[in-house]
Amino acid sequence: MVKGAARIAVVTDSTSDIPRPVAAAAGVHVMPQILIMGTRTWRDGVDIDPPAFYELLRKSSTFPSSSQASMTDFADLFRRLGEEYEGIVAVVVSSKMSGTINSAEAAAAELPELPIEVVDSRTATMQLGFIALAAARAAAGGAGLEEVAAVARDAIERSRVFFIVDTLEYLHRGGRIGTAARLFGTALNLKPVLTVSDGVVTPVAKIRSRRKALEHVYGLLDANLAGVDPARLHMAVLHVDAPQEGAELAAHVRARFSPGEIIVGETGPVVGAHVGPGTMGVAYYVEGR
């Protein structure tokens, strides 16, 4: 281990949607999930990037799916990190959405000599991203294994994500719709506001207009972030193949909330495959005092 460097490595998976430069700067190690379309497979963010995938999605009649990274993939990564770090904290996508946590825990069990904490984030996309970033920043500050894991678990309670999908079809066919399934029968022209609650996709409001759905999201953010010091506020705006709308939403969020950190990006292929083109989302994390 390099003297003065973080003692604890932080690992997450690619459903966290952390932009690669941000992950690299924070020292977050990202395990790629597997994207599947027909007979073809890719490692999310390694073999295919969002623009290439969404171009393919527009042209293909094949519905995409995904698979979790394997136990072997996690074990290989953990072994490599074990040569540089004293321990590892792996913060992964909700166990109610994916079996990723099973792969990570099985890999940890294969390496009893290496201290590894696996944390179920109970969420996905940039809410998971902010949890991993908070943990990595604690590690960079010299925190030990238990403290880094505690920061991650605390960040779960301090973060949230809201999103709007253009259609519920992708969530429905991908099996990730959670309690929002009850909306499917009335989904004609519906632009529901969704969140992740207790690890599953959950409806917040039934909205018939995309504009009104965005206004509802702003209202939710206003209510949740009232009185929060902007310097402690981290926000992310993500879109699925909707760059113009993403830029407009980011400008609005920046002007309205003045967060100390704002991350703007395109949702990765695996998450995008499950929510569909046109999805817009806002995640936030309020840093502890």
Protein backbone atom coordinates (compact mmCIF):
# COMPACT_ATOMS: atom_id res chain seq x y z
CA MET A 1 0.00 0.00 0.00
CA VAL A 2 1.26 3.46 -0.89
CA LYS A 3 2.06 5.55 2.17
CA GLY A 4 -0.56 8.27 2.72
CA ALA A 5 -3.05 6.62 0.36
CA ALA A 6 -6.48 5.33 1.37
CA ARG A 7 -6.27 2.13 3.41
CA ILE A 8 -9.71 0.94 2.30
CA ALA A 9 -10.83 0.31 -1.28
CA VAL A 10 -14.41 1.14 -2.24
CA VAL A 11 -16.12 -0.97 -4.90
CA THR A 12 -19.50 -0.46 -6.52
CA ASP A 13 -21.16 -1.84 -9.63
CA SER A 14 -21.97 -0.12 -12.89
CA THR A 15 -25.64 0.40 -12.07
CA SER A 16 -24.35 3.26 -9.89
CA ASP A 17 -24.04 5.35 -13.08
CA ILE A 18 -21.08 7.32 -11.70
CA PRO A 19 -19.40 9.03 -14.67
CA ARG A 20 -16.04 7.36 -15.20
CA PRO A 21 -13.93 10.49 -14.59
CA VAL A 22 -15.79 11.13 -11.31
CA ALA A 23 -15.31 7.53 -10.16
CA ALA A 24 -11.62 7.62 -11.06
CA ALA A 25 -11.04 10.92 -9.26
CA ALA A 26 -12.75 9.63 -6.10
CA GLY A 27 -10.99 6.26 -6.22
CA VAL A 28 -14.18 4.22 -6.68
CA HIS A 29 -13.62 0.83 -8.35
CA VAL A 30 -16.57 -0.04 -10.61
CA MET A 31 -17.53 -3.63 -11.36
CA PRO A 32 -19.24 -3.83 -14.77
CA GLN A 33 -22.58 -5.58 -14.97
CA ILE A 34 -23.48 -7.61 -18.06
CA LEU A 35 -25.74 -6.25 -20.79
CA ILE A 36 -27.51 -8.74 -23.05
CA MET A 37 -29.25 -8.18 -26.38
CA GLY A 38 -30.12 -11.27 -28.36
CA THR A 39 -26.98 -13.40 -28.58
CA ARG A 40 -24.65 -10.50 -27.85
CA THR A 41 -23.26 -9.54 -24.44
CA TRP A 42 -21.22 -6.56 -23.26
CA ARG A 43 -19.64 -5.44 -20.00
CA ASP A 44 -21.47 -2.29 -19.02
CA GLY A 45 -19.29 0.77 -19.55
CA VAL A 46 -16.33 -1.32 -20.76
CA ASP A 47 -17.35 -2.91 -24.05
CA ILE A 48 -20.14 -0.47 -24.82
CA ASP A 49 -20.91 3.10 -23.76
CA PRO A 50 -24.31 4.81 -23.47
CA PRO A 51 -24.38 6.56 -26.89
CA ALA A 52 -23.45 3.35 -28.72
CA PHE A 53 -25.99 1.30 -26.80
CA TYR A 54 -28.87 3.75 -27.25
CA GLU A 55 -28.14 3.98 -30.96
CA LEU A 56 -28.33 0.19 -31.10
CA LEU A 57 -31.53 0.19 -29.03
CA ARG A 58 -33.22 2.59 -31.47
CA LYS A 59 -32.45 0.28 -34.40
CA SER A 60 -33.07 -3.12 -32.81
CA SER A 61 -36.33 -4.99 -32.32
CA THR A 62 -34.68 -7.15 -29.65
CA PHE A 63 -35.51 -6.25 -26.06
CA PRO A 64 -32.39 -5.84 -23.86
CA SER A 65 -31.77 -7.54 -20.54
CA SER A 66 -28.92 -7.75 -18.05
CA SER A 67 -27.12 -10.08 -15.69
CA GLN A 68 -25.11 -9.47 -12.55
CA ALA A 69 -21.34 -9.66 -12.44
CA SER A 70 -20.22 -13.12 -11.38
CA MET A 71 -18.69 -14.26 -8.11
CA THR A 72 -15.47 -14.95 -10.03
CA ASP A 73 -15.36 -11.39 -11.36
CA PHE A 74 -15.77 -9.98 -7.85
CA ALA A 75 -13.21 -12.38 -6.39
CA ASP A 76 -10.65 -11.42 -9.04
CA LEU A 77 -11.20 -7.73 -8.33
CA PHE A 78 -11.07 -8.23 -4.55
CA ARG A 79 -7.79 -10.16 -4.84
CA ARG A 80 -6.18 -7.40 -6.90
CA LEU A 81 -7.34 -4.73 -4.49
CA GLY A 82 -6.17 -6.83 -1.55
CA GLU A 83 -2.62 -6.40 -2.79
CA GLU A 84 -2.89 -2.61 -2.34
CA TYR A 85 -5.41 -2.08 0.46
CA GLU A 86 -6.04 -3.28 3.99
CA GLY A 87 -9.73 -3.92 3.37
CA ILE A 88 -12.61 -3.42 0.95
CA VAL A 89 -16.10 -1.97 1.23
CA ALA A 90 -18.35 -3.05 -1.65
CA VAL A 91 -21.55 -1.01 -2.04
CA VAL A 92 -23.88 -2.66 -4.55
CA VAL A 93 -27.26 -2.32 -6.21
CA SER A 94 -30.39 -3.22 -4.23
CA SER A 95 -30.70 -6.91 -3.43
CA LYS A 96 -34.37 -6.66 -4.43
CA MET A 97 -33.40 -5.62 -7.96
CA SER A 98 -30.41 -7.84 -8.62
CA GLY A 99 -28.42 -10.81 -7.36
CA THR A 100 -25.23 -8.73 -7.44
CA ILE A 101 -24.95 -8.78 -3.67
CA ASN A 102 -24.92 -12.60 -3.74
CA SER A 103 -21.94 -12.56 -6.11
CA ALA A 104 -20.08 -10.04 -3.94
CA GLU A 105 -20.80 -11.89 -0.69
CA ALA A 106 -19.79 -15.24 -2.19
CA ALA A 107 -16.52 -13.69 -3.40
CA ALA A 108 -15.88 -12.24 0.06
CA ALA A 109 -16.45 -15.68 1.59
CA GLU A 110 -13.79 -17.08 -0.74
CA LEU A 111 -11.26 -14.61 0.68
CA PRO A 112 -11.53 -14.90 4.48
CA GLU A 113 -8.03 -13.47 4.90
CA LEU A 114 -9.15 -10.14 3.41
CA PRO A 115 -11.47 -7.86 5.46
CA ILE A 116 -14.47 -7.15 3.19
CA GLU A 117 -17.76 -5.45 4.04
CA VAL A 118 -20.59 -5.80 1.51
CA VAL A 119 -23.31 -3.15 1.80
CA ASP A 120 -26.76 -3.45 0.24
CA SER A 121 -27.48 0.08 -0.96
CA ARG A 122 -31.21 -0.71 -1.34
CA THR A 123 -31.18 1.47 -4.45
CA ALA A 124 -29.54 2.03 -7.83
CA THR A 125 -28.30 4.67 -10.30
CA MET A 126 -26.79 7.87 -8.85
CA GLN A 127 -28.34 7.40 -5.43
CA LEU A 128 -26.09 4.33 -5.25
CA GLY A 129 -23.39 6.44 -6.89
CA PHE A 130 -23.49 9.04 -4.15
CA ILE A 131 -23.39 6.35 -1.45
CA ALA A 132 -20.24 4.88 -3.01
CA LEU A 133 -18.68 8.32 -3.47
CA ALA A 134 -19.35 9.22 0.18
CA ALA A 135 -17.66 5.99 1.25
CA ALA A 136 -14.68 6.56 -1.06
CA ARG A 137 -14.19 10.11 0.18
CA ALA A 138 -14.23 8.84 3.77
CA ALA A 139 -11.62 6.25 2.80
CA ALA A 140 -9.49 8.93 1.15
CA GLY A 141 -9.62 10.82 4.45
CA GLY A 142 -8.05 7.87 6.24
CA ALA A 143 -11.16 6.13 7.60
CA GLY A 144 -10.90 2.45 8.44
CA LEU A 145 -13.09 -0.42 7.25
CA GLU A 146 -15.89 -0.10 9.80
CA GLU A 147 -16.06 3.68 9.48
CA VAL A 148 -16.17 3.58 5.67
CA ALA A 149 -18.98 1.00 5.79
CA ALA A 150 -20.81 3.13 8.38
CA VAL A 151 -20.53 6.20 6.13
CA ALA A 152 -22.04 4.18 3.27
CA ARG A 153 -24.95 3.01 5.41
CA ASP A 154 -25.56 6.52 6.71
CA ALA A 155 -25.53 7.87 3.13
CA ILE A 156 -28.36 5.47 2.24
CA GLU A 157 -30.58 7.39 4.66
CA ARG A 158 -29.35 10.79 3.42
CA SER A 159 -29.96 10.21 -0.27
CA ARG A 160 -32.89 9.82 -2.67
CA VAL A 161 -33.67 9.48 -6.34
CA PHE A 162 -36.73 10.53 -8.33
CA PHE A 163 -37.27 9.74 -11.98
CA ILE A 164 -39.78 9.93 -14.80
CA VAL A 165 -40.04 7.25 -17.47
CA ASP A 166 -41.46 7.76 -20.94
CA THR A 167 -43.09 4.33 -20.73
CA LEU A 168 -43.43 1.65 -18.07
CA GLU A 169 -42.87 -1.05 -20.69
CA TYR A 170 -39.12 -1.39 -20.03
CA LEU A 171 -39.52 -1.69 -16.27
CA HIS A 172 -42.36 -4.14 -16.73
CA ARG A 173 -40.61 -6.41 -19.23
CA GLY A 174 -37.34 -6.24 -17.31
CA GLY A 175 -39.01 -7.33 -14.08
CA ARG A 176 -37.77 -4.29 -12.12
CA ILE A 177 -41.08 -2.50 -11.73
CA GLY A 178 -41.62 -3.36 -8.04
CA THR A 179 -44.74 -1.86 -6.50
CA ALA A 180 -45.16 0.36 -9.57
CA ALA A 181 -46.65 -2.71 -11.29
CA ARG A 182 -50.11 -1.58 -10.21
CA LEU A 183 -49.73 1.43 -12.55
CA PHE A 184 -49.26 -0.74 -15.61
CA GLY A 185 -52.95 -1.27 -16.30
CA THR A 186 -53.48 2.49 -16.53
CA ALA A 187 -50.21 3.33 -18.26
CA LEU A 188 -51.63 4.87 -21.46
CA ASN A 189 -49.88 8.25 -21.78
CA LEU A 190 -48.96 8.08 -18.11
CA LYS A 191 -45.73 9.80 -17.04
CA PRO A 192 -45.49 8.64 -13.43
CA VAL A 193 -42.99 10.02 -10.96
CA LEU A 194 -41.11 7.08 -9.47
CA THR A 195 -38.57 6.56 -6.71
CA VAL A 196 -36.74 3.65 -5.11
CA SER A 197 -38.14 2.79 -1.71
CA ASP A 198 -37.10 -0.17 0.44
CA GLY A 199 -35.09 -1.45 -2.49
CA VAL A 200 -37.79 -1.48 -5.18
CA VAL A 201 -39.15 0.93 -7.78
CA THR A 202 -42.16 2.65 -6.23
CA PRO A 203 -44.67 5.16 -7.64
CA VAL A 204 -44.80 8.61 -6.09
CA ALA A 205 -47.46 10.21 -8.29
CA LYS A 206 -49.52 9.47 -11.40
CA ILE A 207 -48.99 12.29 -13.89
CA ARG A 208 -50.42 12.59 -17.41
CA SER A 209 -47.98 15.20 -18.71
CA ARG A 210 -44.19 15.10 -18.84
CA ARG A 211 -44.00 18.81 -18.01
CA LYS A 212 -46.25 18.38 -14.99
CA ALA A 213 -44.26 15.33 -13.92
CA LEU A 214 -41.08 17.42 -13.89
CA GLU A 215 -42.86 20.13 -11.91
CA HIS A 216 -43.90 17.49 -9.39
CA VAL A 217 -40.27 16.37 -9.06
CA TYR A 218 -39.23 19.98 -8.40
CA GLY A 219 -41.87 20.18 -5.69
CA LEU A 220 -40.62 16.98 -4.07
CA LEU A 221 -37.06 18.27 -4.12
CA ASP A 222 -38.16 21.62 -2.66
CA ALA A 223 -39.91 19.84 0.20
CA ASN A 224 -37.11 17.35 0.88
CA LEU A 225 -34.28 19.86 0.67
CA ALA A 226 -35.87 22.79 2.51
CA GLY A 227 -33.31 24.31 4.89
CA VAL A 228 -30.40 22.19 3.62
CA ASP A 229 -27.09 24.02 3.38
CA PRO A 230 -26.24 23.99 -0.36
CA ALA A 231 -22.59 23.37 0.51
CA ARG A 232 -23.62 19.96 1.93
CA LEU A 233 -25.83 19.11 -1.02
CA HIS A 234 -24.72 16.77 -3.79
CA MET A 235 -27.03 16.36 -6.78
CA ALA A 236 -27.02 14.42 -10.02
CA VAL A 237 -29.10 14.79 -13.16
CA LEU A 238 -29.22 11.80 -15.49
CA HIS A 239 -31.06 11.09 -18.72
CA VAL A 240 -31.52 8.16 -21.07
CA ASP A 241 -30.89 9.25 -24.66
CA ALA A 242 -32.41 12.69 -24.03
CA PRO A 243 -29.42 15.09 -23.94
CA GLN A 244 -31.34 18.31 -24.57
CA GLU A 245 -33.87 17.63 -21.83
CA GLY A 246 -31.04 16.51 -19.57
CA ALA A 247 -29.20 19.80 -20.08
CA GLU A 248 -32.37 21.80 -19.40
CA LEU A 249 -33.11 19.83 -16.23
CA ALA A 250 -29.52 20.26 -15.04
CA ALA A 251 -29.66 24.02 -15.60
CA HIS A 252 -32.90 24.20 -13.63
CA VAL A 253 -31.54 22.11 -10.74
CA ARG A 254 -28.33 24.14 -10.63
CA ALA A 255 -30.22 27.45 -10.54
CA ARG A 256 -32.84 26.28 -8.08
CA PHE A 257 -30.71 24.46 -5.51
CA SER A 258 -27.09 25.66 -6.01
CA PRO A 259 -25.65 22.31 -4.85
CA GLY A 260 -22.04 22.12 -3.73
CA GLU A 261 -21.60 19.31 -6.24
CA ILE A 262 -23.64 18.57 -9.35
CA ILE A 263 -23.03 15.62 -11.64
CA VAL A 264 -24.66 15.59 -15.05
CA GLY A 265 -24.53 12.54 -17.25
CA GLU A 266 -26.19 9.85 -19.28
CA THR A 267 -27.57 6.79 -17.55
CA GLY A 268 -25.50 3.70 -18.26
CA PRO A 269 -26.68 0.92 -20.57
CA VAL A 270 -27.79 -1.57 -17.90
CA VAL A 271 -29.99 0.91 -16.01
CA GLY A 272 -31.08 2.44 -19.32
CA ALA A 273 -32.14 -0.99 -20.58
CA HIS A 274 -34.53 -1.29 -17.64
CA VAL A 275 -36.04 2.21 -17.62
CA GLY A 276 -36.03 2.97 -21.36
CA PRO A 277 -35.22 5.96 -23.60
CA GLY A 278 -36.52 9.33 -22.51
CA THR A 279 -36.13 8.65 -18.79
CA MET A 280 -35.08 11.65 -16.70
CA GLY A 281 -33.86 11.46 -13.13
CA VAL A 282 -32.54 13.51 -10.22
CA ALA A 283 -30.64 12.03 -7.29
CA TYR A 284 -29.31 13.81 -4.23
CA TYR A 285 -27.21 13.18 -1.15
CA VAL A 286 -27.02 15.49 1.87
CA GLU A 287 -23.62 15.26 3.49
CA GLY A 288 -23.51 14.80 7.24
CA ARG A 289 -22.30 17.59 9.47
